[in-house]
Amino acid sequence: MDASKSKTKLMKVKEENIVFLTISSFVGASPGAIHYYGRLEHLQGDEAVDVTYKLTQKEADRFNVKWKVGGCEDLFGYQEGEKSERFPSEKKLIVAAKKQFKVHFPKATVLVLGSSSVCEPQEILVGPKEFKDKITNLAKQYDKLDWDDVVDRPMIEKIEEEWQKLWPRKYM
């Protein structure tokens, strides 16, 4: 659906029901980096928790070998079942976050992939279907456009306007 042609229907999503999943990694930026880290942050307040999972024996052994080779075996001794914040892929991190956000934030109904400090459409991972579909569609359109391209500016402004009508926190 093109943002310029869509009709806005306000949806009942409240700020206090929104949690953000922020993903960070040094993959591609640091040699040997292979992990992804996730943090769940409530839109209101200072509450934030790291996304974790329990290590399998194979993962614990792999971590222990890596640190032994690096000469740090005395500092680390990973065990099966131990909690880890280091995910082997973004996909596994997102799956875990979808399960954990309701545990840490029971009243939350929306999980956004992104950051609460970004004032633009971001992908909705979990939420009311119509809200999720509309916002995620706007985010995908938005991501294809170039801020520096004068030709794209009118469409960017239309998408931002449409998003602001749907999003519960007002920025403009």
C-alpha atoms as a PDB file:
ATOM      1  CA  MET A   1       0.000   0.000   0.000  1.00  0.00           C
ATOM      2  CA  ASP A   2       1.395   3.370  -1.005  1.00  0.00           C
ATOM      3  CA  ALA A   3       1.514   5.886   1.874  1.00  0.00           C
ATOM      4  CA  SER A   4       0.137   8.616  -0.356  1.00  0.00           C
ATOM      5  CA  LYS A   5      -3.013   6.603  -1.113  1.00  0.00           C
ATOM      6  CA  SER A   6      -3.718   5.004   2.272  1.00  0.00           C
ATOM      7  CA  LYS A   7      -6.491   6.255   4.495  1.00  0.00           C
ATOM      8  CA  THR A   8      -5.448   6.611   8.109  1.00  0.00           C
ATOM      9  CA  LYS A   9      -7.445   4.778  10.708  1.00  0.00           C
ATOM     10  CA  LEU A  10      -6.287   5.509  14.230  1.00  0.00           C
ATOM     11  CA  MET A  11      -5.499   2.328  16.111  1.00  0.00           C
ATOM     12  CA  LYS A  12      -5.677   1.879  19.855  1.00  0.00           C
ATOM     13  CA  VAL A  13      -2.062   1.307  20.851  1.00  0.00           C
ATOM     14  CA  LYS A  14      -0.823   3.121  23.935  1.00  0.00           C
ATOM     15  CA  GLU A  15       2.740   4.219  24.684  1.00  0.00           C
ATOM     16  CA  GLU A  16       2.851   2.097  27.818  1.00  0.00           C
ATOM     17  CA  ASN A  17       2.277  -1.028  25.702  1.00  0.00           C
ATOM     18  CA  ILE A  18       5.350  -0.580  23.472  1.00  0.00           C
ATOM     19  CA  VAL A  19       8.726  -2.276  23.914  1.00  0.00           C
ATOM     20  CA  PHE A  20      11.726  -1.878  21.596  1.00  0.00           C
ATOM     21  CA  LEU A  21      14.251  -4.547  20.654  1.00  0.00           C
ATOM     22  CA  THR A  22      17.600  -2.932  19.922  1.00  0.00           C
ATOM     23  CA  ILE A  23      20.127  -5.236  18.278  1.00  0.00           C
ATOM     24  CA  SER A  24      23.852  -4.582  18.371  1.00  0.00           C
ATOM     25  CA  SER A  25      26.826  -6.477  16.985  1.00  0.00           C
ATOM     26  CA  PHE A  26      30.399  -6.077  15.874  1.00  0.00           C
ATOM     27  CA  VAL A  27      29.846  -8.547  13.017  1.00  0.00           C
ATOM     28  CA  GLY A  28      31.355  -6.998   9.897  1.00  0.00           C
ATOM     29  CA  ALA A  29      33.105  -4.303  11.936  1.00  0.00           C
ATOM     30  CA  SER A  30      35.514  -6.319  14.053  1.00  0.00           C
ATOM     31  CA  PRO A  31      37.579  -9.333  12.909  1.00  0.00           C
ATOM     32  CA  GLY A  32      36.293 -12.539  14.467  1.00  0.00           C
ATOM     33  CA  ALA A  33      33.051 -11.030  15.760  1.00  0.00           C
ATOM     34  CA  ILE A  34      30.228 -13.565  15.424  1.00  0.00           C
ATOM     35  CA  HIS A  35      27.564 -12.586  17.974  1.00  0.00           C
ATOM     36  CA  TYR A  36      24.444 -10.448  18.178  1.00  0.00           C
ATOM     37  CA  TYR A  37      23.156  -8.821  21.352  1.00  0.00           C
ATOM     38  CA  GLY A  38      19.618  -7.677  22.095  1.00  0.00           C
ATOM     39  CA  ARG A  39      18.118  -5.302  24.620  1.00  0.00           C
ATOM     40  CA  LEU A  40      14.420  -4.892  25.365  1.00  0.00           C
ATOM     41  CA  GLU A  41      13.518  -1.350  26.374  1.00  0.00           C
ATOM     42  CA  HIS A  42      10.126  -0.078  27.467  1.00  0.00           C
ATOM     43  CA  LEU A  43       9.049   3.087  25.644  1.00  0.00           C
ATOM     44  CA  GLN A  44       8.145   4.726  28.952  1.00  0.00           C
ATOM     45  CA  GLY A  45      10.536   4.697  31.851  1.00  0.00           C
ATOM     46  CA  ASP A  46      14.002   3.382  32.487  1.00  0.00           C
ATOM     47  CA  GLU A  47      13.188  -0.319  32.324  1.00  0.00           C
ATOM     48  CA  ALA A  48      15.451  -2.353  30.054  1.00  0.00           C
ATOM     49  CA  VAL A  49      16.638  -5.965  30.046  1.00  0.00           C
ATOM     50  CA  ASP A  50      19.049  -7.979  27.947  1.00  0.00           C
ATOM     51  CA  VAL A  51      17.708 -10.821  25.825  1.00  0.00           C
ATOM     52  CA  THR A  52      19.298 -14.103  26.918  1.00  0.00           C
ATOM     53  CA  TYR A  53      19.198 -17.828  26.213  1.00  0.00           C
ATOM     54  CA  LYS A  54      20.620 -20.945  27.845  1.00  0.00           C
ATOM     55  CA  LEU A  55      23.813 -22.365  26.377  1.00  0.00           C
ATOM     56  CA  THR A  56      23.840 -25.884  24.999  1.00  0.00           C
ATOM     57  CA  GLN A  57      26.820 -28.099  25.867  1.00  0.00           C
ATOM     58  CA  LYS A  58      28.126 -27.645  22.308  1.00  0.00           C
ATOM     59  CA  GLU A  59      27.984 -23.833  22.615  1.00  0.00           C
ATOM     60  CA  ALA A  60      29.641 -23.865  26.056  1.00  0.00           C
ATOM     61  CA  ASP A  61      32.423 -26.092  24.723  1.00  0.00           C
ATOM     62  CA  ARG A  62      32.925 -23.829  21.701  1.00  0.00           C
ATOM     63  CA  PHE A  63      33.185 -20.729  23.928  1.00  0.00           C
ATOM     64  CA  ASN A  64      35.632 -22.489  26.248  1.00  0.00           C
ATOM     65  CA  VAL A  65      37.866 -23.568  23.342  1.00  0.00           C
ATOM     66  CA  LYS A  66      37.802 -20.037  21.887  1.00  0.00           C
ATOM     67  CA  TRP A  67      38.883 -18.493  25.192  1.00  0.00           C
ATOM     68  CA  LYS A  68      41.507 -21.186  25.815  1.00  0.00           C
ATOM     69  CA  VAL A  69      43.065 -20.464  22.418  1.00  0.00           C
ATOM     70  CA  GLY A  70      43.014 -16.764  23.297  1.00  0.00           C
ATOM     71  CA  GLY A  71      44.868 -17.437  26.573  1.00  0.00           C
ATOM     72  CA  CYS A  72      41.903 -16.483  28.760  1.00  0.00           C
ATOM     73  CA  GLU A  73      40.854 -19.944  29.968  1.00  0.00           C
ATOM     74  CA  ASP A  74      41.278 -18.928  33.611  1.00  0.00           C
ATOM     75  CA  LEU A  75      38.806 -16.068  33.192  1.00  0.00           C
ATOM     76  CA  PHE A  76      35.948 -18.005  31.615  1.00  0.00           C
ATOM     77  CA  GLY A  77      34.434 -21.431  32.161  1.00  0.00           C
ATOM     78  CA  TYR A  78      31.134 -21.759  30.374  1.00  0.00           C
ATOM     79  CA  GLN A  79      28.647 -24.448  31.391  1.00  0.00           C
ATOM     80  CA  GLU A  80      25.633 -26.003  29.702  1.00  0.00           C
ATOM     81  CA  GLY A  81      22.462 -24.205  30.824  1.00  0.00           C
ATOM     82  CA  GLU A  82      24.296 -20.980  31.671  1.00  0.00           C
ATOM     83  CA  LYS A  83      22.591 -17.816  30.465  1.00  0.00           C
ATOM     84  CA  SER A  84      24.225 -16.007  27.567  1.00  0.00           C
ATOM     85  CA  GLU A  85      23.534 -12.678  25.895  1.00  0.00           C
ATOM     86  CA  ARG A  86      25.555 -13.665  22.795  1.00  0.00           C
ATOM     87  CA  PHE A  87      23.338 -14.979  20.014  1.00  0.00           C
ATOM     88  CA  PRO A  88      24.804 -16.725  16.965  1.00  0.00           C
ATOM     89  CA  SER A  89      22.350 -14.992  14.588  1.00  0.00           C
ATOM     90  CA  GLU A  90      19.901 -12.090  14.427  1.00  0.00           C
ATOM     91  CA  LYS A  91      17.129 -14.555  13.635  1.00  0.00           C
ATOM     92  CA  LYS A  92      17.673 -16.550  16.871  1.00  0.00           C
ATOM     93  CA  LEU A  93      17.871 -13.305  18.830  1.00  0.00           C
ATOM     94  CA  ILE A  94      14.553 -12.064  17.409  1.00  0.00           C
ATOM     95  CA  VAL A  95      12.835 -15.392  18.143  1.00  0.00           C
ATOM     96  CA  ALA A  96      14.018 -15.225  21.773  1.00  0.00           C
ATOM     97  CA  ALA A  97      13.013 -11.561  22.117  1.00  0.00           C
ATOM     98  CA  LYS A  98       9.493 -12.296  20.880  1.00  0.00           C
ATOM     99  CA  LYS A  99       9.148 -14.881  23.655  1.00  0.00           C
ATOM    100  CA  GLN A 100      10.796 -12.833  26.398  1.00  0.00           C
ATOM    101  CA  PHE A 101       9.300  -9.375  25.970  1.00  0.00           C
ATOM    102  CA  LYS A 102       5.941 -10.412  27.485  1.00  0.00           C
ATOM    103  CA  VAL A 103       7.737 -12.048  30.437  1.00  0.00           C
ATOM    104  CA  HIS A 104       9.612  -8.859  31.309  1.00  0.00           C
ATOM    105  CA  PHE A 105       6.844  -6.449  30.287  1.00  0.00           C
ATOM    106  CA  PRO A 106       3.522  -8.280  30.859  1.00  0.00           C
ATOM    107  CA  LYS A 107       1.321  -5.349  29.776  1.00  0.00           C
ATOM    108  CA  ALA A 108       3.210  -4.851  26.520  1.00  0.00           C
ATOM    109  CA  THR A 109       1.357  -5.619  23.294  1.00  0.00           C
ATOM    110  CA  VAL A 110       3.838  -4.242  20.746  1.00  0.00           C
ATOM    111  CA  LEU A 111       7.471  -5.183  20.064  1.00  0.00           C
ATOM    112  CA  VAL A 112       9.349  -2.868  17.706  1.00  0.00           C
ATOM    113  CA  LEU A 113      12.655  -3.732  16.040  1.00  0.00           C
ATOM    114  CA  GLY A 114      14.679  -0.557  16.449  1.00  0.00           C
ATOM    115  CA  SER A 115      15.242   2.164  18.979  1.00  0.00           C
ATOM    116  CA  SER A 116      12.962   4.377  21.040  1.00  0.00           C
ATOM    117  CA  SER A 117      15.206   7.330  20.197  1.00  0.00           C
ATOM    118  CA  VAL A 118      14.494   7.063  16.463  1.00  0.00           C
ATOM    119  CA  CYS A 119      11.552   9.177  15.313  1.00  0.00           C
ATOM    120  CA  GLU A 120      10.694   7.316  12.119  1.00  0.00           C
ATOM    121  CA  PRO A 121       8.777   4.180  11.108  1.00  0.00           C
ATOM    122  CA  GLN A 122      10.398   0.951  12.324  1.00  0.00           C
ATOM    123  CA  GLU A 123       9.412  -2.680  11.808  1.00  0.00           C
ATOM    124  CA  ILE A 124       6.823  -4.061  14.239  1.00  0.00           C
ATOM    125  CA  LEU A 125       7.680  -7.643  15.239  1.00  0.00           C
ATOM    126  CA  VAL A 126       4.630  -8.260  17.433  1.00  0.00           C
ATOM    127  CA  GLY A 127       1.429  -6.266  17.734  1.00  0.00           C
ATOM    128  CA  PRO A 128      -2.181  -5.905  16.654  1.00  0.00           C
ATOM    129  CA  LYS A 129      -2.274  -7.111  13.039  1.00  0.00           C
ATOM    130  CA  GLU A 130      -3.534  -3.939  11.347  1.00  0.00           C
ATOM    131  CA  PHE A 131      -1.162  -1.715  13.361  1.00  0.00           C
ATOM    132  CA  LYS A 132       1.768  -4.077  12.730  1.00  0.00           C
ATOM    133  CA  ASP A 133       1.072  -4.361   9.005  1.00  0.00           C
ATOM    134  CA  LYS A 134       0.586  -0.627   8.421  1.00  0.00           C
ATOM    135  CA  ILE A 135       3.632   0.522  10.392  1.00  0.00           C
ATOM    136  CA  THR A 136       5.901  -2.208   9.000  1.00  0.00           C
ATOM    137  CA  ASN A 137       4.790  -1.351   5.471  1.00  0.00           C
ATOM    138  CA  LEU A 138       5.578   2.329   6.094  1.00  0.00           C
ATOM    139  CA  ALA A 139       8.987   1.354   7.531  1.00  0.00           C
ATOM    140  CA  LYS A 140       9.831  -0.719   4.445  1.00  0.00           C
ATOM    141  CA  GLN A 141       8.839   2.123   2.100  1.00  0.00           C
ATOM    142  CA  TYR A 142      10.791   4.606   4.235  1.00  0.00           C
ATOM    143  CA  ASP A 143      13.945   2.468   4.223  1.00  0.00           C
ATOM    144  CA  LYS A 144      14.013   2.427   0.406  1.00  0.00           C
ATOM    145  CA  LEU A 145      14.143   6.220   0.169  1.00  0.00           C
ATOM    146  CA  ASP A 146      17.168   8.513   0.293  1.00  0.00           C
ATOM    147  CA  TRP A 147      17.034  11.501   2.642  1.00  0.00           C
ATOM    148  CA  ASP A 148      19.576  13.336   0.521  1.00  0.00           C
ATOM    149  CA  ASP A 149      17.622  12.882  -2.702  1.00  0.00           C
ATOM    150  CA  VAL A 150      15.379  15.887  -3.334  1.00  0.00           C
ATOM    151  CA  VAL A 151      13.097  13.690  -5.448  1.00  0.00           C
ATOM    152  CA  ASP A 152      12.427  11.379  -2.449  1.00  0.00           C
ATOM    153  CA  ARG A 153      11.650  14.176   0.054  1.00  0.00           C
ATOM    154  CA  PRO A 154       7.895  14.511  -0.720  1.00  0.00           C
ATOM    155  CA  MET A 155       7.354  10.761  -0.276  1.00  0.00           C
ATOM    156  CA  ILE A 156       9.431  10.738   2.920  1.00  0.00           C
ATOM    157  CA  GLU A 157       7.269  13.541   4.303  1.00  0.00           C
ATOM    158  CA  LYS A 158       4.056  11.678   3.383  1.00  0.00           C
ATOM    159  CA  ILE A 159       5.281   8.511   5.079  1.00  0.00           C
ATOM    160  CA  GLU A 160       6.308  10.435   8.204  1.00  0.00           C
ATOM    161  CA  GLU A 161       2.913  12.153   8.313  1.00  0.00           C
ATOM    162  CA  GLU A 162       1.070   8.845   7.944  1.00  0.00           C
ATOM    163  CA  TRP A 163       3.250   7.226  10.619  1.00  0.00           C
ATOM    164  CA  GLN A 164       2.649  10.104  13.049  1.00  0.00           C
ATOM    165  CA  LYS A 165      -1.103   9.554  12.722  1.00  0.00           C
ATOM    166  CA  LEU A 166      -0.684   5.912  13.756  1.00  0.00           C
ATOM    167  CA  TRP A 167       2.087   6.172  16.354  1.00  0.00           C
ATOM    168  CA  PRO A 168       0.942   6.924  19.943  1.00  0.00           C
ATOM    169  CA  ARG A 169       3.856   9.227  20.873  1.00  0.00           C
ATOM    170  CA  LYS A 170       3.829  12.536  19.041  1.00  0.00           C
ATOM    171  CA  TYR A 171       7.190  13.902  17.921  1.00  0.00           C
ATOM    172  CA  MET A 172       6.251  16.719  15.579  1.00  0.00           C
END
